[in-house]
Structures are given as structure tokens and as C-alpha cells.
Amino acid sequence: MTDQSTGTDAEETPRTDAQEPRTEAEETPGTEAGETPGTAAEAEAEAEAEKDVTPEAATALLRRRRVRRRIWIALAVPVLLLVLPVLVALTALRINYMGDPADGTYTRGKDAIWLGHAWVDGRKKDADVTALAARLKDTGIRDLYVHSGPLEHDGTLPASSYPNARWFIAAVHREMPQIRVQAWLGDVLASESPYGMRLERAATRAAVVRSTREILATGFEGVHFDLEPLHSGDQDYLTLLDALHRVTAAQDAPLSVAAHQIDPVPGFHSFWGTTTGHPKWWSQKFFGEVARRVDQIAVMSYDTIQPLEGTYGGYVAQQTSLALEVTPPSTDLLMGLPFYHENRFGHWNHAETVPAGVRGVRLGLSRTDADRANFGVALYVDFAAEEADWTAYREGWVR
């Protein structure tokens, strides 16, 4: 964010006497110069008046003052109880952003990028694939998550949702033979509203499994699921993952998922859910349960509510460590980087930057498992990325 300027320096435009505003003393009759009405004069008048008050009036005045004092204390205490923990948390995250990442904490050649629906609905052409190949050359990107849904709320997926998928897969294999193409499928869950997919329904889960078989038959080399908002501890989701993994494993295709962030402090998702109705985070235990059921898990480590670049980087470092602690070494762990630019509650463009995210990833990796082989970053999203995002990714992570 940049400050707005009037375009005129204060010293460049001399003020005339006619331009200068009148002072309070000039505008208010009966007030001495430099004296503010309602302050010293009022206090002096009140002191004079108190000299002649009766004992009963003095007692009433004292009671009123005590009531006002209690009101201020009653208001100040909740504010302090809210503000102090936030300040402590932000300070801790900023400290977590300090230090130097370990040598060698760079790409392992297992990065990914989310691609928009235009790649499979007919809008993109051969020239676009050629340009994409040039963009991804000499980076660490191995997987493309190309949006091929969304799933219907009942778990079905019409083939009309991805009419040009076969063309795109063939074009990628021709231009970028080392890169895999995964179908990115998602839907809104009915976890916080009456509308959306209901994972508690066995028929819906069975339909998602059938849709997975169908889209793999199209030629996709893996399936990447993003179902939100997914609450921590959802056993129906775990049941679905078990069924999906049996299908993908039989076809030697990776099962990949987008994951919510992990509780920054234990139980935070419960507190946030009770307060806002949207738990947002997963417990570290549940994250581990998900990670053990898939071949690849990508943390959506953006939309973090962090106000500063330093606290965002410290937060990503913490998330990286928490995820590494519970992700099996055999599962690919990817940390999301924000390749988009918005300003709203939950995501501040000046704070959630690619350089801060990359540094945070490297710090968390350095502190927890610097030699983890199955590790990378995931870039969200291609159609919103700017040149500076690609430069920061290359210079900070690819090297």
C-alpha cells in the first residue's frame, strides 16, 4: 500500500495571513489566547463551584466520579484482554521470521502451480501452451493442477466441464514431457450453510469416486481435490480419501489435496469456530491423518489475516514446521505461495508477498527437516500472477 500525496510540499507554498485559519482564541469571545475552552477555564470554574457545595452534594459528586472511573475500567479491561494477546502473537511471529535459512533449502523439483479453467474449456490454444512451457522452463515445477470442475453437489462431474482436457494433456506432454497434469476438482461443502456438497451422504462420496475414475480415464495423471470449508476432524472426509486412494493407487496416479492451515496454537480452530462460526484451521493431528491418506498435500498458506510482511513470513515458517512434523516423508508436502493480489480482510497484498512466503518456507524447512526430499511450494494462481511474483519465486526458491 502506498500513501496518497497531495502533490504539494508544505514548504513550497507560502501562506499569507489571509489564508491562515483563525485561532480558537480569536473565534471564541471571552477566552484568553492559548487557552482551550472547556479545559483549564472549566476546571477552575468547577473548583470554585465546589467550594460552596453542601456535604450531600460533595458526596454525590464523588459517587459520580467513582461510577465514571468504574465504567472506564470496565471498558478498558476487555480491550486490553483482546489487544495484548494479539500484540504478543504478532511479536512472536515477527521473531519467528528472524534468522538465516540453511544452505540448500531450495527447490527439490517438486513444486506445483494451480491453473485456471481456461486451459481445458477451449479458451487456450497451442501458442498458450508454448508460452507456459517457456515460463516453467528451469523452474522446480513438476505438477500442474488444472481446474476441471467444479463437482456437482451430488459428487458427479459432467464431461462437458473439461471438453479440451485431452488436447491440453497432449500439448503439455509434447512441450513439457517432465511435467504431470492433475485434474483440480473442488466444491463448496455444506458445512457452514444449507447449500453445498454433503460428505456425510454415502451416495455423494460414491459419486465423487466414480467421477475420479472417469476423469483419470481422460488421461489426467493425478487428481487434486479442494473441498471447502472442511472442518477439522471430519471423519467423512477421511473415509472419502481412503476410497479415492484405492482408485488412484490402482492406476499409479497421485492423490493430491489442498489443505487448510494448522492451528497456530492448539485448539485455535475451536475458539475461532465458536467466535465466528468458521473454524478455518485444522488441528495438527487431523492434518497428519489427512497427510497419511494421500500422496501429496498442499497447504493453502495464504489468506492468513496477517497485517505485516514480517508476521506473514513468520506465520508461514511456523506453518511449514507444523506440517513437516506430522507429514510422512513419503508424502509430498507443498506450501502455498500467493500469486494473486487482493486487499480484503484475511488477505492484505502488502503483507502476503511471495518473497516473505519463500523466506518463511525456507526458515521452517531449515528448523524442522532441512533435508526433506518430498517437499516443495505450490503457486496460486496462474491467471493472477504478476512478473514480480515469478521473479521472487525464481530468485528466492529456484536459484
Protein backbone atom coordinates (compact mmCIF):
# COMPACT_ATOMS: atom_id res chain seq x y z
CA MET A 1 0.00 0.00 0.00
CA THR A 2 1.24 3.41 -0.78
CA ASP A 3 0.42 6.67 0.93
CA GLN A 4 -1.59 9.22 -1.03
CA SER A 5 0.15 12.55 -1.62
CA THR A 6 -1.35 15.94 -2.23
CA GLY A 7 1.47 16.65 -4.66
CA THR A 8 2.42 19.86 -2.81
CA ASP A 9 5.12 20.13 -0.22
CA ALA A 10 4.19 22.22 2.81
CA GLU A 11 7.26 24.38 2.38
CA GLU A 12 6.65 25.04 -1.31
CA THR A 13 3.51 27.11 -0.87
CA PRO A 14 3.94 30.14 1.45
CA ARG A 15 0.80 31.00 3.36
CA THR A 16 -0.49 34.57 3.57
CA ASP A 17 -2.13 35.99 6.64
CA ALA A 18 -5.45 35.86 4.82
CA GLN A 19 -5.02 32.17 4.17
CA GLU A 20 -4.30 31.21 7.76
CA PRO A 21 -7.26 29.99 9.83
CA ARG A 22 -8.31 31.93 12.87
CA THR A 23 -7.27 30.51 16.18
CA GLU A 24 -9.67 29.29 18.85
CA ALA A 25 -8.81 32.33 20.91
CA GLU A 26 -9.80 34.66 18.07
CA GLU A 27 -13.04 32.83 17.36
CA THR A 28 -14.30 32.37 20.92
CA PRO A 29 -15.18 35.50 22.88
CA GLY A 30 -14.09 35.53 26.48
CA THR A 31 -11.20 33.11 26.02
CA GLU A 32 -7.60 34.06 26.57
CA ALA A 33 -5.10 33.34 23.80
CA GLY A 34 -3.66 29.83 24.12
CA GLU A 35 -6.49 28.70 26.44
CA THR A 36 -8.81 25.97 25.20
CA PRO A 37 -12.48 26.34 26.18
CA GLY A 38 -13.72 23.54 28.38
CA THR A 39 -10.30 22.70 29.84
CA ALA A 40 -8.41 24.94 32.27
CA ALA A 41 -11.16 27.58 32.50
CA GLU A 42 -13.82 24.96 33.04
CA ALA A 43 -11.75 23.16 35.67
CA GLU A 44 -11.20 26.47 37.51
CA ALA A 45 -14.91 27.23 37.42
CA GLU A 46 -15.72 23.76 38.70
CA ALA A 47 -13.19 24.17 41.53
CA GLU A 48 -14.77 27.48 42.55
CA ALA A 49 -18.20 25.91 42.50
CA GLU A 50 -17.04 23.04 44.70
CA LYS A 51 -16.01 25.44 47.46
CA ASP A 52 -19.65 26.23 48.22
CA VAL A 53 -21.22 22.79 47.80
CA THR A 54 -23.01 21.09 50.65
CA PRO A 55 -21.69 17.81 52.13
CA GLU A 56 -24.54 15.96 50.42
CA ALA A 57 -23.67 17.45 47.01
CA ALA A 58 -20.00 16.67 47.51
CA THR A 59 -20.84 13.05 48.30
CA ALA A 60 -22.99 12.81 45.16
CA LEU A 61 -20.18 14.32 43.08
CA LEU A 62 -17.70 11.80 44.48
CA ARG A 63 -20.08 8.96 43.69
CA ARG A 64 -20.44 10.15 40.10
CA ARG A 65 -16.67 10.27 39.70
CA ARG A 66 -16.34 6.73 41.07
CA VAL A 67 -19.01 5.49 38.65
CA ARG A 68 -17.22 7.10 35.71
CA ARG A 69 -13.93 5.55 36.83
CA ARG A 70 -15.53 2.10 37.08
CA ILE A 71 -17.06 2.48 33.63
CA TRP A 72 -13.69 3.34 32.13
CA ILE A 73 -12.06 0.37 33.86
CA ALA A 74 -14.86 -1.91 32.70
CA LEU A 75 -14.31 -0.77 29.12
CA ALA A 76 -10.51 -0.83 29.25
CA VAL A 77 -10.08 -4.33 30.66
CA PRO A 78 -11.80 -6.20 27.76
CA VAL A 79 -9.90 -4.07 25.25
CA LEU A 80 -6.60 -4.95 26.92
CA LEU A 81 -7.56 -8.62 27.11
CA LEU A 82 -8.14 -8.58 23.34
CA VAL A 83 -5.26 -6.36 22.26
CA LEU A 84 -2.44 -7.75 24.42
CA PRO A 85 -2.65 -11.37 23.15
CA VAL A 86 -2.73 -10.09 19.57
CA LEU A 87 0.35 -7.95 20.14
CA VAL A 88 2.14 -10.87 21.80
CA ALA A 89 1.24 -13.18 18.90
CA LEU A 90 2.39 -10.69 16.27
CA THR A 91 5.65 -10.14 18.12
CA ALA A 92 6.25 -13.89 18.33
CA LEU A 93 5.62 -14.30 14.59
CA ARG A 94 7.96 -11.43 13.76
CA ILE A 95 10.67 -13.04 15.88
CA ASN A 96 9.99 -16.32 14.07
CA TYR A 97 10.85 -14.54 10.83
CA MET A 98 14.35 -13.72 12.05
CA GLY A 99 17.49 -15.71 11.31
CA ASP A 100 19.04 -17.18 8.20
CA PRO A 101 17.71 -20.18 6.27
CA ALA A 102 20.02 -23.15 5.99
CA ASP A 103 22.12 -23.67 2.88
CA GLY A 104 20.48 -25.91 0.34
CA THR A 105 16.91 -25.12 1.32
CA TYR A 106 15.79 -24.54 -2.24
CA THR A 107 13.55 -26.32 -4.72
CA ARG A 108 13.66 -30.09 -4.86
CA GLY A 109 11.97 -30.07 -8.27
CA LYS A 110 8.59 -30.98 -6.78
CA ASP A 111 6.75 -27.68 -6.96
CA ALA A 112 3.26 -27.17 -8.40
CA ILE A 113 1.01 -24.45 -9.77
CA TRP A 114 -2.76 -24.08 -9.83
CA LEU A 115 -4.06 -23.31 -13.34
CA GLY A 116 -7.41 -21.77 -14.24
CA HIS A 117 -10.27 -23.42 -16.12
CA ALA A 118 -9.38 -21.72 -19.40
CA TRP A 119 -6.82 -24.44 -20.12
CA VAL A 120 -9.49 -27.13 -20.56
CA ASP A 121 -12.60 -25.28 -21.75
CA GLY A 122 -11.36 -24.20 -25.17
CA ARG A 123 -10.06 -20.70 -24.49
CA LYS A 124 -6.36 -21.62 -24.55
CA LYS A 125 -4.50 -22.56 -27.74
CA ASP A 126 -1.18 -24.15 -28.74
CA ALA A 127 0.60 -20.82 -28.51
CA ASP A 128 -0.51 -20.50 -24.86
CA VAL A 129 0.97 -23.90 -24.03
CA THR A 130 4.23 -22.91 -25.72
CA ALA A 131 4.33 -19.73 -23.63
CA LEU A 132 3.57 -21.71 -20.47
CA ALA A 133 6.41 -24.11 -21.27
CA ALA A 134 8.79 -21.17 -21.62
CA ARG A 135 7.57 -19.73 -18.31
CA LEU A 136 8.10 -23.01 -16.45
CA LYS A 137 11.44 -23.88 -18.02
CA ASP A 138 14.26 -24.24 -15.49
CA THR A 139 11.91 -23.93 -12.51
CA GLY A 140 11.09 -26.58 -9.93
CA ILE A 141 7.52 -27.15 -11.12
CA ARG A 142 6.55 -30.78 -11.67
CA ASP A 143 2.74 -30.71 -11.26
CA LEU A 144 0.00 -28.68 -12.90
CA TYR A 145 -3.32 -28.57 -11.04
CA VAL A 146 -5.67 -27.58 -13.85
CA HIS A 147 -9.19 -26.65 -12.78
CA SER A 148 -11.53 -29.20 -14.36
CA GLY A 149 -14.66 -28.92 -12.22
CA PRO A 150 -16.32 -27.92 -10.09
CA LEU A 151 -18.00 -31.10 -8.93
CA GLU A 152 -21.76 -31.01 -8.66
CA HIS A 153 -23.08 -31.01 -5.09
CA ASP A 154 -24.08 -34.66 -5.53
CA GLY A 155 -20.50 -35.61 -6.42
CA THR A 156 -20.99 -36.03 -10.16
CA LEU A 157 -18.84 -34.33 -12.80
CA PRO A 158 -20.19 -33.77 -16.33
CA ALA A 159 -17.64 -34.44 -19.08
CA SER A 160 -18.75 -31.11 -20.55
CA SER A 161 -16.84 -29.43 -17.71
CA TYR A 162 -13.48 -30.26 -19.31
CA PRO A 163 -14.05 -30.57 -23.10
CA ASN A 164 -10.44 -29.75 -24.10
CA ALA A 165 -8.68 -31.80 -21.44
CA ARG A 166 -7.27 -34.39 -23.85
CA TRP A 167 -5.84 -31.64 -26.07
CA PHE A 168 -4.22 -29.88 -23.10
CA ILE A 169 -2.68 -33.06 -21.68
CA ALA A 170 -1.24 -34.00 -25.08
CA ALA A 171 0.11 -30.47 -25.59
CA VAL A 172 1.81 -30.47 -22.18
CA HIS A 173 3.38 -33.88 -22.85
CA ARG A 174 4.71 -32.53 -26.14
CA GLU A 175 6.07 -29.25 -24.79
CA MET A 176 6.89 -30.26 -21.20
CA PRO A 177 7.35 -34.05 -21.01
CA GLN A 178 8.74 -33.90 -17.47
CA ILE A 179 5.57 -32.30 -16.04
CA ARG A 180 2.44 -34.10 -14.77
CA VAL A 181 -1.09 -32.84 -15.35
CA GLN A 182 -3.54 -33.32 -12.49
CA ALA A 183 -7.27 -32.57 -12.54
CA TRP A 184 -8.14 -29.96 -9.93
CA LEU A 185 -11.62 -30.77 -8.60
CA GLY A 186 -13.45 -28.94 -5.85
CA ASP A 187 -16.77 -27.88 -4.44
CA VAL A 188 -18.31 -25.91 -1.60
CA LEU A 189 -19.22 -28.11 1.34
CA ALA A 190 -22.49 -27.70 3.25
CA SER A 191 -20.54 -27.42 6.49
CA GLU A 192 -21.47 -23.81 7.27
CA SER A 193 -24.63 -23.31 5.21
CA PRO A 194 -27.51 -25.44 3.91
CA TYR A 195 -26.03 -25.36 0.40
CA GLY A 196 -23.20 -27.45 -0.97
CA MET A 197 -21.81 -30.98 -1.03
CA ARG A 198 -22.70 -33.24 1.90
CA LEU A 199 -19.88 -35.68 2.58
CA GLU A 200 -21.94 -37.45 5.24
CA ARG A 201 -24.00 -38.97 2.43
CA ALA A 202 -22.54 -42.28 1.23
CA ALA A 203 -24.11 -41.79 -2.21
CA THR A 204 -22.30 -38.46 -2.62
CA ARG A 205 -18.94 -39.96 -1.67
CA ALA A 206 -19.53 -42.85 -4.10
CA ALA A 207 -20.29 -40.35 -6.87
CA VAL A 208 -17.02 -38.49 -6.20
CA VAL A 209 -15.15 -41.79 -6.54
CA ARG A 210 -16.87 -42.51 -9.87
CA SER A 211 -16.07 -39.01 -11.10
CA THR A 212 -12.43 -39.63 -10.24
CA ARG A 213 -12.35 -42.83 -12.29
CA GLU A 214 -13.92 -41.02 -15.22
CA ILE A 215 -11.54 -38.08 -15.23
CA LEU A 216 -8.47 -40.30 -14.89
CA ALA A 217 -9.73 -42.20 -17.93
CA THR A 218 -9.49 -38.92 -19.84
CA GLY A 219 -5.73 -39.01 -19.45
CA PHE A 220 -5.04 -36.95 -16.31
CA GLU A 221 -2.07 -38.25 -14.34
CA GLY A 222 -3.47 -37.43 -10.94
CA VAL A 223 -6.39 -35.80 -9.13
CA HIS A 224 -6.13 -32.80 -6.80
CA PHE A 225 -9.11 -32.11 -4.50
CA ASP A 226 -10.03 -28.82 -2.88
CA LEU A 227 -13.20 -29.14 -0.77
CA GLU A 228 -14.01 -26.16 1.45
CA PRO A 229 -14.82 -25.20 4.12
CA LEU A 230 -13.66 -28.51 5.58
CA HIS A 231 -13.79 -28.66 9.35
CA SER A 232 -11.09 -30.28 11.42
CA GLY A 233 -11.88 -33.84 12.42
CA ASP A 234 -14.30 -34.55 9.56
CA GLN A 235 -14.39 -38.37 9.52
CA ASP A 236 -16.50 -38.48 6.34
CA TYR A 237 -13.67 -36.72 4.52
CA LEU A 238 -11.18 -39.29 5.76
CA THR A 239 -13.48 -42.07 4.61
CA LEU A 240 -13.67 -40.45 1.17
CA LEU A 241 -9.88 -40.17 0.96
CA ASP A 242 -9.49 -43.87 1.76
CA ALA A 243 -11.86 -44.76 -1.09
CA LEU A 244 -10.21 -42.34 -3.50
CA HIS A 245 -6.72 -43.60 -2.74
CA ARG A 246 -7.69 -47.13 -3.63
CA VAL A 247 -8.75 -45.87 -7.07
CA THR A 248 -5.70 -43.65 -7.72
CA ALA A 249 -3.20 -46.20 -6.41
CA ALA A 250 -4.62 -48.85 -8.75
CA GLN A 251 -3.84 -46.53 -11.68
CA ASP A 252 -0.46 -45.37 -10.33
CA ALA A 253 -1.78 -41.81 -10.14
CA PRO A 254 -1.14 -39.46 -7.21
CA LEU A 255 -3.99 -38.43 -4.92
CA SER A 256 -3.44 -34.80 -4.01
CA VAL A 257 -5.39 -32.45 -1.73
CA ALA A 258 -5.40 -28.78 -0.78
CA ALA A 259 -5.25 -28.46 3.00
CA HIS A 260 -6.36 -25.83 5.48
CA GLN A 261 -3.78 -24.20 7.73
CA ILE A 262 -2.84 -25.79 11.04
CA ASP A 263 -3.81 -24.37 14.44
CA PRO A 264 -1.14 -21.74 15.28
CA VAL A 265 -1.83 -22.66 18.91
CA PRO A 266 -3.51 -25.91 19.98
CA GLY A 267 -7.30 -25.80 19.79
CA PHE A 268 -7.42 -22.47 17.98
CA HIS A 269 -9.88 -23.77 15.38
CA SER A 270 -12.39 -24.49 18.16
CA PHE A 271 -12.06 -20.99 19.61
CA TRP A 272 -12.35 -19.36 16.18
CA GLY A 273 -15.27 -21.54 15.20
CA THR A 274 -17.16 -20.68 18.37
CA THR A 275 -16.42 -16.99 17.88
CA THR A 276 -17.06 -16.63 14.15
CA GLY A 277 -18.85 -19.80 13.01
CA HIS A 278 -15.94 -20.57 10.64
CA PRO A 279 -13.23 -22.76 12.27
CA LYS A 280 -10.80 -22.17 9.33
CA TRP A 281 -7.83 -24.09 10.81
CA TRP A 282 -7.24 -27.83 11.27
CA SER A 283 -5.72 -29.41 14.32
CA GLN A 284 -2.20 -30.69 13.71
CA LYS A 285 -3.44 -34.21 14.49
CA PHE A 286 -6.14 -34.04 11.79
CA PHE A 287 -3.65 -32.62 9.29
CA GLY A 288 -1.45 -35.64 9.91
CA GLU A 289 -4.40 -38.00 9.43
CA VAL A 290 -5.09 -36.42 6.05
CA ALA A 291 -1.41 -36.42 5.04
CA ARG A 292 -1.11 -40.15 5.73
CA ARG A 293 -4.00 -40.90 3.34
CA VAL A 294 -2.71 -39.03 0.29
CA ASP A 295 0.35 -38.86 -1.93
CA GLN A 296 0.55 -35.08 -1.95
CA ILE A 297 -0.77 -32.36 0.34
CA ALA A 298 -0.60 -28.64 -0.46
CA VAL A 299 -1.12 -26.20 2.41
CA MET A 300 -3.15 -23.12 1.47
CA SER A 301 -0.72 -20.90 3.39
CA TYR A 302 -2.29 -17.63 2.26
CA ASP A 303 -5.39 -15.70 3.37
CA THR A 304 -3.78 -15.66 6.81
CA ILE A 305 -5.15 -12.36 8.25
CA GLN A 306 -1.54 -11.25 8.85
CA PRO A 307 -1.10 -7.46 8.72
CA LEU A 308 2.64 -7.22 8.02
CA GLU A 309 5.13 -8.89 5.71
CA GLY A 310 7.30 -9.88 8.67
CA THR A 311 4.46 -11.51 10.59
CA TYR A 312 3.24 -13.29 7.43
CA GLY A 313 6.69 -14.74 6.82
CA GLY A 314 6.93 -15.83 10.45
CA TYR A 315 3.50 -17.41 10.19
CA VAL A 316 4.49 -19.36 7.07
CA ALA A 317 7.65 -20.53 8.84
CA GLN A 318 5.51 -21.82 11.71
CA GLN A 319 3.02 -23.50 9.36
CA THR A 320 5.86 -25.18 7.49
CA SER A 321 7.29 -26.60 10.71
CA LEU A 322 3.90 -27.78 11.97
CA ALA A 323 3.15 -29.51 8.67
CA LEU A 324 6.57 -31.15 8.44
CA GLU A 325 6.20 -32.60 11.94
CA VAL A 326 3.16 -34.70 11.01
CA THR A 327 3.56 -35.35 7.27
CA PRO A 328 5.11 -38.74 6.44
CA PRO A 329 8.39 -38.46 4.49
CA SER A 330 6.77 -40.48 1.71
CA THR A 331 4.06 -37.84 1.16
CA ASP A 332 4.85 -34.75 -0.91
CA LEU A 333 4.34 -31.66 1.25
CA LEU A 334 3.88 -28.37 -0.60
CA MET A 335 3.48 -24.92 0.95
CA GLY A 336 1.24 -22.49 -0.94
CA LEU A 337 2.54 -19.12 -2.15
CA PRO A 338 0.21 -16.21 -3.02
CA PHE A 339 0.48 -15.47 -6.73
CA TYR A 340 -2.51 -13.13 -6.59
CA HIS A 341 -3.18 -9.60 -5.40
CA GLU A 342 -6.17 -8.58 -3.30
CA ASN A 343 -6.88 -6.33 -0.36
CA ARG A 344 -9.62 -7.53 1.97
CA PHE A 345 -9.98 -8.86 5.48
CA GLY A 346 -7.98 -12.05 5.64
CA HIS A 347 -5.55 -11.13 2.87
CA TRP A 348 -3.50 -7.95 2.66
CA ASN A 349 -1.50 -7.60 -0.51
CA HIS A 350 1.30 -5.62 1.14
CA ALA A 351 1.77 -8.36 3.76
CA GLU A 352 1.27 -11.65 1.93
CA THR A 353 4.09 -11.39 -0.59
CA VAL A 354 6.00 -14.10 -2.42
CA PRO A 355 9.40 -13.02 -1.00
CA ALA A 356 8.06 -13.23 2.56
CA GLY A 357 6.38 -16.57 1.84
CA VAL A 358 9.52 -18.07 0.31
CA ARG A 359 11.70 -16.91 3.19
CA GLY A 360 9.18 -18.29 5.68
CA VAL A 361 9.12 -21.66 3.89
CA ARG A 362 12.91 -21.85 3.93
CA LEU A 363 13.10 -20.93 7.62
CA GLY A 364 10.54 -23.55 8.61
CA LEU A 365 12.25 -26.18 6.47
CA SER A 366 15.65 -25.26 7.93
CA ARG A 367 14.47 -25.58 11.52
CA THR A 368 12.47 -28.77 11.17
CA ASP A 369 13.72 -31.04 8.39
CA ALA A 370 16.16 -29.28 6.10
CA ASP A 371 16.88 -32.41 4.08
CA ARG A 372 13.24 -33.39 3.42
CA ALA A 373 13.23 -34.64 -0.17
CA ASN A 374 9.48 -34.74 -0.87
CA PHE A 375 8.91 -31.05 -0.33
CA GLY A 376 8.06 -28.04 -2.46
CA VAL A 377 5.92 -24.95 -2.94
CA ALA A 378 2.62 -24.53 -4.79
CA LEU A 379 1.84 -21.29 -6.65
CA TYR A 380 -1.71 -19.91 -6.52
CA VAL A 381 -2.75 -19.00 -9.23
CA ASP A 382 -1.51 -18.63 -12.84
CA PHE A 383 -4.06 -16.11 -14.18
CA ALA A 384 -3.48 -13.63 -11.33
CA ALA A 385 0.32 -13.82 -11.20
CA GLU A 386 2.48 -10.79 -11.92
CA GLU A 387 6.03 -10.76 -13.23
CA ALA A 388 7.34 -9.80 -9.79
CA ASP A 389 5.82 -12.97 -8.33
CA TRP A 390 7.66 -15.17 -10.82
CA THR A 391 10.89 -13.28 -10.22
CA ALA A 392 10.60 -13.70 -6.45
CA TYR A 393 9.90 -17.41 -6.84
CA ARG A 394 12.89 -17.92 -9.11
CA GLU A 395 15.34 -15.80 -7.12
CA GLY A 396 14.23 -16.91 -3.67
CA TRP A 397 13.40 -20.58 -4.17
CA VAL A 398 14.70 -21.87 -7.52
CA ARG A 399 18.08 -20.10 -7.57
